[in-house]
Every structure is written in C-alpha cells, then in structure tokens.
Amino acid sequence: MQVSVREFKNNFSRYLKEVRQGKIIEITRHRRLVARLCPAGEQKEAWRPL
C-alpha cells in the first residue's frame, strides 16, 4: 500500500495498526518512494533497494 507523507502523518495510528497486522506501507513524497514501513519481524525479508 502506498500513501503520501501527508496522509501517513495525518493517519499515523491507523497505518501503524495496519503494519502490526502484517501490511507493508510505502511512503511517498511527490509520488516518489521515500520509505517502507514493515513489521519488525519482517525487516530483513522485506528489504530491497529503493
């Protein structure tokens, strides 16, 4: 799921809950991927260069 920085900031609790449920959130700025948030147990598996 991709969300803008503004959307993520305004709904932080909602997206944090989704990440705890196993979803990966990609955060974009001006439509460019800047970060990927994933559950702590999946960090190594979900990592790949941007």
PDB file of N, CA and C in Angstrom:
ATOM      1  N   MET A   1       0.849  -1.161   0.000  1.00  0.00           N
ATOM      2  CA  MET A   1       0.000   0.000   0.000  1.00  0.00           C
ATOM      3  C   MET A   1       0.901   1.233   0.000  1.00  0.00           C
ATOM      4  N   GLN A   2       0.601   2.194  -0.844  1.00  0.00           N
ATOM      5  CA  GLN A   2       1.364   3.439  -0.894  1.00  0.00           C
ATOM      6  C   GLN A   2       0.518   4.593  -0.374  1.00  0.00           C
ATOM      7  N   VAL A   3       1.154   5.441   0.439  1.00  0.00           N
ATOM      8  CA  VAL A   3       0.491   6.634   0.955  1.00  0.00           C
ATOM      9  C   VAL A   3       1.482   7.792   0.911  1.00  0.00           C
ATOM     10  N   SER A   4       0.944   8.996   0.802  1.00  0.00           N
ATOM     11  CA  SER A   4       1.807  10.175   0.798  1.00  0.00           C
ATOM     12  C   SER A   4       2.266  10.482   2.228  1.00  0.00           C
ATOM     13  N   VAL A   5       3.315  11.265   2.346  1.00  0.00           N
ATOM     14  CA  VAL A   5       3.818  11.672   3.650  1.00  0.00           C
ATOM     15  C   VAL A   5       2.705  12.355   4.443  1.00  0.00           C
ATOM     16  N   ARG A   6       1.969  13.231   3.804  1.00  0.00           N
ATOM     17  CA  ARG A   6       0.892  13.954   4.477  1.00  0.00           C
ATOM     18  C   ARG A   6      -0.178  12.997   4.991  1.00  0.00           C
ATOM     19  N   GLU A   7      -0.607  12.081   4.137  1.00  0.00           N
ATOM     20  CA  GLU A   7      -1.614  11.090   4.523  1.00  0.00           C
ATOM     21  C   GLU A   7      -1.113  10.245   5.683  1.00  0.00           C
ATOM     22  N   PHE A   8       0.143   9.811   5.611  1.00  0.00           N
ATOM     23  CA  PHE A   8       0.730   8.994   6.674  1.00  0.00           C
ATOM     24  C   PHE A   8       0.775   9.774   7.985  1.00  0.00           C
ATOM     25  N   LYS A   9       1.217  11.007   7.917  1.00  0.00           N
ATOM     26  CA  LYS A   9       1.313  11.832   9.120  1.00  0.00           C
ATOM     27  C   LYS A   9      -0.061  12.058   9.756  1.00  0.00           C
ATOM     28  N   ASN A  10      -1.050  12.324   8.929  1.00  0.00           N
ATOM     29  CA  ASN A  10      -2.392  12.615   9.445  1.00  0.00           C
ATOM     30  C   ASN A  10      -3.108  11.388   9.994  1.00  0.00           C
ATOM     31  N   ASN A  11      -2.687  10.201   9.571  1.00  0.00           N
ATOM     32  CA  ASN A  11      -3.346   8.957   9.997  1.00  0.00           C
ATOM     33  C   ASN A  11      -2.343   7.948  10.540  1.00  0.00           C
ATOM     34  N   PHE A  12      -1.354   8.446  11.252  1.00  0.00           N
ATOM     35  CA  PHE A  12      -0.260   7.605  11.743  1.00  0.00           C
ATOM     36  C   PHE A  12      -0.757   6.387  12.507  1.00  0.00           C
ATOM     37  N   SER A  13      -1.666   6.573  13.445  1.00  0.00           N
ATOM     38  CA  SER A  13      -2.155   5.460  14.273  1.00  0.00           C
ATOM     39  C   SER A  13      -2.807   4.379  13.419  1.00  0.00           C
ATOM     40  N   ARG A  14      -3.575   4.785  12.440  1.00  0.00           N
ATOM     41  CA  ARG A  14      -4.247   3.830  11.551  1.00  0.00           C
ATOM     42  C   ARG A  14      -3.229   2.983  10.790  1.00  0.00           C
ATOM     43  N   TYR A  15      -2.222   3.644  10.223  1.00  0.00           N
ATOM     44  CA  TYR A  15      -1.225   2.905   9.448  1.00  0.00           C
ATOM     45  C   TYR A  15      -0.332   2.049  10.336  1.00  0.00           C
ATOM     46  N   LEU A  16      -0.041   2.504  11.531  1.00  0.00           N
ATOM     47  CA  LEU A  16       0.748   1.703  12.461  1.00  0.00           C
ATOM     48  C   LEU A  16      -0.011   0.421  12.812  1.00  0.00           C
ATOM     49  N   LYS A  17      -1.317   0.536  13.003  1.00  0.00           N
ATOM     50  CA  LYS A  17      -2.148  -0.639  13.279  1.00  0.00           C
ATOM     51  C   LYS A  17      -2.097  -1.619  12.107  1.00  0.00           C
ATOM     52  N   GLU A  18      -2.150  -1.107  10.890  1.00  0.00           N
ATOM     53  CA  GLU A  18      -2.089  -1.971   9.703  1.00  0.00           C
ATOM     54  C   GLU A  18      -0.750  -2.675   9.595  1.00  0.00           C
ATOM     55  N   VAL A  19       0.331  -1.974   9.934  1.00  0.00           N
ATOM     56  CA  VAL A  19       1.663  -2.590   9.903  1.00  0.00           C
ATOM     57  C   VAL A  19       1.743  -3.695  10.952  1.00  0.00           C
ATOM     58  N   ARG A  20       1.183  -3.467  12.128  1.00  0.00           N
ATOM     59  CA  ARG A  20       1.174  -4.504  13.164  1.00  0.00           C
ATOM     60  C   ARG A  20       0.405  -5.740  12.691  1.00  0.00           C
ATOM     61  N   GLN A  21      -0.549  -5.561  11.785  1.00  0.00           N
ATOM     62  CA  GLN A  21      -1.330  -6.672  11.254  1.00  0.00           C
ATOM     63  C   GLN A  21      -0.620  -7.362  10.088  1.00  0.00           C
ATOM     64  N   GLY A  22       0.566  -6.880   9.731  1.00  0.00           N
ATOM     65  CA  GLY A  22       1.368  -7.551   8.712  1.00  0.00           C
ATOM     66  C   GLY A  22       1.493  -6.838   7.381  1.00  0.00           C
ATOM     67  N   LYS A  23       0.854  -5.706   7.217  1.00  0.00           N
ATOM     68  CA  LYS A  23       0.937  -4.984   5.943  1.00  0.00           C
ATOM     69  C   LYS A  23       2.230  -4.178   5.854  1.00  0.00           C
ATOM     70  N   ILE A  24       2.664  -3.925   4.642  1.00  0.00           N
ATOM     71  CA  ILE A  24       3.825  -3.073   4.393  1.00  0.00           C
ATOM     72  C   ILE A  24       3.308  -1.761   3.809  1.00  0.00           C
ATOM     73  N   ILE A  25       3.730  -0.649   4.406  1.00  0.00           N
ATOM     74  CA  ILE A  25       3.305   0.675   3.961  1.00  0.00           C
ATOM     75  C   ILE A  25       4.487   1.345   3.261  1.00  0.00           C
ATOM     76  N   GLU A  26       4.275   1.788   2.042  1.00  0.00           N
ATOM     77  CA  GLU A  26       5.294   2.550   1.314  1.00  0.00           C
ATOM     78  C   GLU A  26       4.884   4.015   1.362  1.00  0.00           C
ATOM     79  N   ILE A  27       5.806   4.857   1.791  1.00  0.00           N
ATOM     80  CA  ILE A  27       5.529   6.289   1.964  1.00  0.00           C
ATOM     81  C   ILE A  27       6.178   7.049   0.819  1.00  0.00           C
ATOM     82  N   THR A  28       5.378   7.892   0.176  1.00  0.00           N
ATOM     83  CA  THR A  28       5.864   8.639  -0.983  1.00  0.00           C
ATOM     84  C   THR A  28       5.852  10.138  -0.717  1.00  0.00           C
ATOM     85  N   ARG A  29       6.716  10.818  -1.416  1.00  0.00           N
ATOM     86  CA  ARG A  29       6.753  12.284  -1.402  1.00  0.00           C
ATOM     87  C   ARG A  29       6.868  12.723  -2.846  1.00  0.00           C
ATOM     88  N   HIS A  30       5.914  13.505  -3.289  1.00  0.00           N
ATOM     89  CA  HIS A  30       5.852  13.916  -4.691  1.00  0.00           C
ATOM     90  C   HIS A  30       5.884  12.688  -5.618  1.00  0.00           C
ATOM     91  N   ARG A  31       5.125  11.660  -5.198  1.00  0.00           N
ATOM     92  CA  ARG A  31       4.960  10.407  -5.945  1.00  0.00           C
ATOM     93  C   ARG A  31       6.220   9.555  -6.053  1.00  0.00           C
ATOM     94  N   ARG A  32       7.240   9.890  -5.277  1.00  0.00           N
ATOM     95  CA  ARG A  32       8.475   9.090  -5.263  1.00  0.00           C
ATOM     96  C   ARG A  32       8.575   8.368  -3.931  1.00  0.00           C
ATOM     97  N   LEU A  33       8.908   7.106  -3.987  1.00  0.00           N
ATOM     98  CA  LEU A  33       9.044   6.297  -2.790  1.00  0.00           C
ATOM     99  C   LEU A  33      10.209   6.809  -1.936  1.00  0.00           C
ATOM    100  N   VAL A  34       9.939   7.094  -0.652  1.00  0.00           N
ATOM    101  CA  VAL A  34      10.989   7.580   0.236  1.00  0.00           C
ATOM    102  C   VAL A  34      11.208   6.660   1.429  1.00  0.00           C
ATOM    103  N   ALA A  35      10.219   5.824   1.765  1.00  0.00           N
ATOM    104  CA  ALA A  35      10.368   4.932   2.921  1.00  0.00           C
ATOM    105  C   ALA A  35       9.425   3.751   2.787  1.00  0.00           C
ATOM    106  N   ARG A  36       9.793   2.690   3.481  1.00  0.00           N
ATOM    107  CA  ARG A  36       8.958   1.489   3.522  1.00  0.00           C
ATOM    108  C   ARG A  36       8.863   1.075   4.991  1.00  0.00           C
ATOM    109  N   LEU A  37       7.650   0.951   5.504  1.00  0.00           N
ATOM    110  CA  LEU A  37       7.418   0.573   6.893  1.00  0.00           C
ATOM    111  C   LEU A  37       6.839  -0.829   6.908  1.00  0.00           C
ATOM    112  N   CYS A  38       7.521  -1.736   7.630  1.00  0.00           N
ATOM    113  CA  CYS A  38       7.067  -3.123   7.682  1.00  0.00           C
ATOM    114  C   CYS A  38       7.153  -3.618   9.121  1.00  0.00           C
ATOM    115  N   PRO A  39       6.450  -4.699   9.444  1.00  0.00           N
ATOM    116  CA  PRO A  39       6.526  -5.256  10.786  1.00  0.00           C
ATOM    117  C   PRO A  39       7.971  -5.600  11.150  1.00  0.00           C
ATOM    118  N   ALA A  40       8.326  -5.422  12.410  1.00  0.00           N
ATOM    119  CA  ALA A  40       9.711  -5.612  12.861  1.00  0.00           C
ATOM    120  C   ALA A  40      10.262  -6.990  12.527  1.00  0.00           C
ATOM    121  N   GLY A  41       9.468  -8.021  12.600  1.00  0.00           N
ATOM    122  CA  GLY A  41       9.924  -9.380  12.314  1.00  0.00           C
ATOM    123  C   GLY A  41      10.204  -9.625  10.847  1.00  0.00           C
ATOM    124  N   GLU A  42       9.790  -8.715   9.964  1.00  0.00           N
ATOM    125  CA  GLU A  42       9.947  -8.910   8.529  1.00  0.00           C
ATOM    126  C   GLU A  42      10.983  -7.974   7.913  1.00  0.00           C
ATOM    127  N   GLN A  43      11.735  -7.264   8.691  1.00  0.00           N
ATOM    128  CA  GLN A  43      12.661  -6.256   8.166  1.00  0.00           C
ATOM    129  C   GLN A  43      13.612  -6.826   7.132  1.00  0.00           C
ATOM    130  N   LYS A  44      14.263  -7.909   7.432  1.00  0.00           N
ATOM    131  CA  LYS A  44      15.250  -8.466   6.505  1.00  0.00           C
ATOM    132  C   LYS A  44      14.597  -9.041   5.268  1.00  0.00           C
ATOM    133  N   GLU A  45      13.419  -9.639   5.408  1.00  0.00           N
ATOM    134  CA  GLU A  45      12.747 -10.244   4.271  1.00  0.00           C
ATOM    135  C   GLU A  45      12.179  -9.194   3.319  1.00  0.00           C
ATOM    136  N   ALA A  46      11.711  -8.069   3.854  1.00  0.00           N
ATOM    137  CA  ALA A  46      11.049  -7.065   3.028  1.00  0.00           C
ATOM    138  C   ALA A  46      12.037  -6.047   2.446  1.00  0.00           C
ATOM    139  N   TRP A  47      13.273  -6.073   2.901  1.00  0.00           N
ATOM    140  CA  TRP A  47      14.224  -5.054   2.451  1.00  0.00           C
ATOM    141  C   TRP A  47      14.647  -5.299   1.022  1.00  0.00           C
ATOM    142  N   ARG A  48      14.657  -4.223   0.272  1.00  0.00           N
ATOM    143  CA  ARG A  48      15.241  -4.224  -1.072  1.00  0.00           C
ATOM    144  C   ARG A  48      15.584  -2.772  -1.404  1.00  0.00           C
ATOM    145  N   PRO A  49      16.587  -2.537  -2.205  1.00  0.00           N
ATOM    146  CA  PRO A  49      16.975  -1.156  -2.519  1.00  0.00           C
ATOM    147  C   PRO A  49      15.816  -0.369  -3.143  1.00  0.00           C
ATOM    148  N   LEU A  50      15.767   0.919  -2.832  1.00  0.00           N
ATOM    149  CA  LEU A  50      14.724   1.780  -3.395  1.00  0.00           C
ATOM    150  C   LEU A  50      15.009   2.113  -4.836  1.00  0.00           C
TER     151      LEU A  50
END
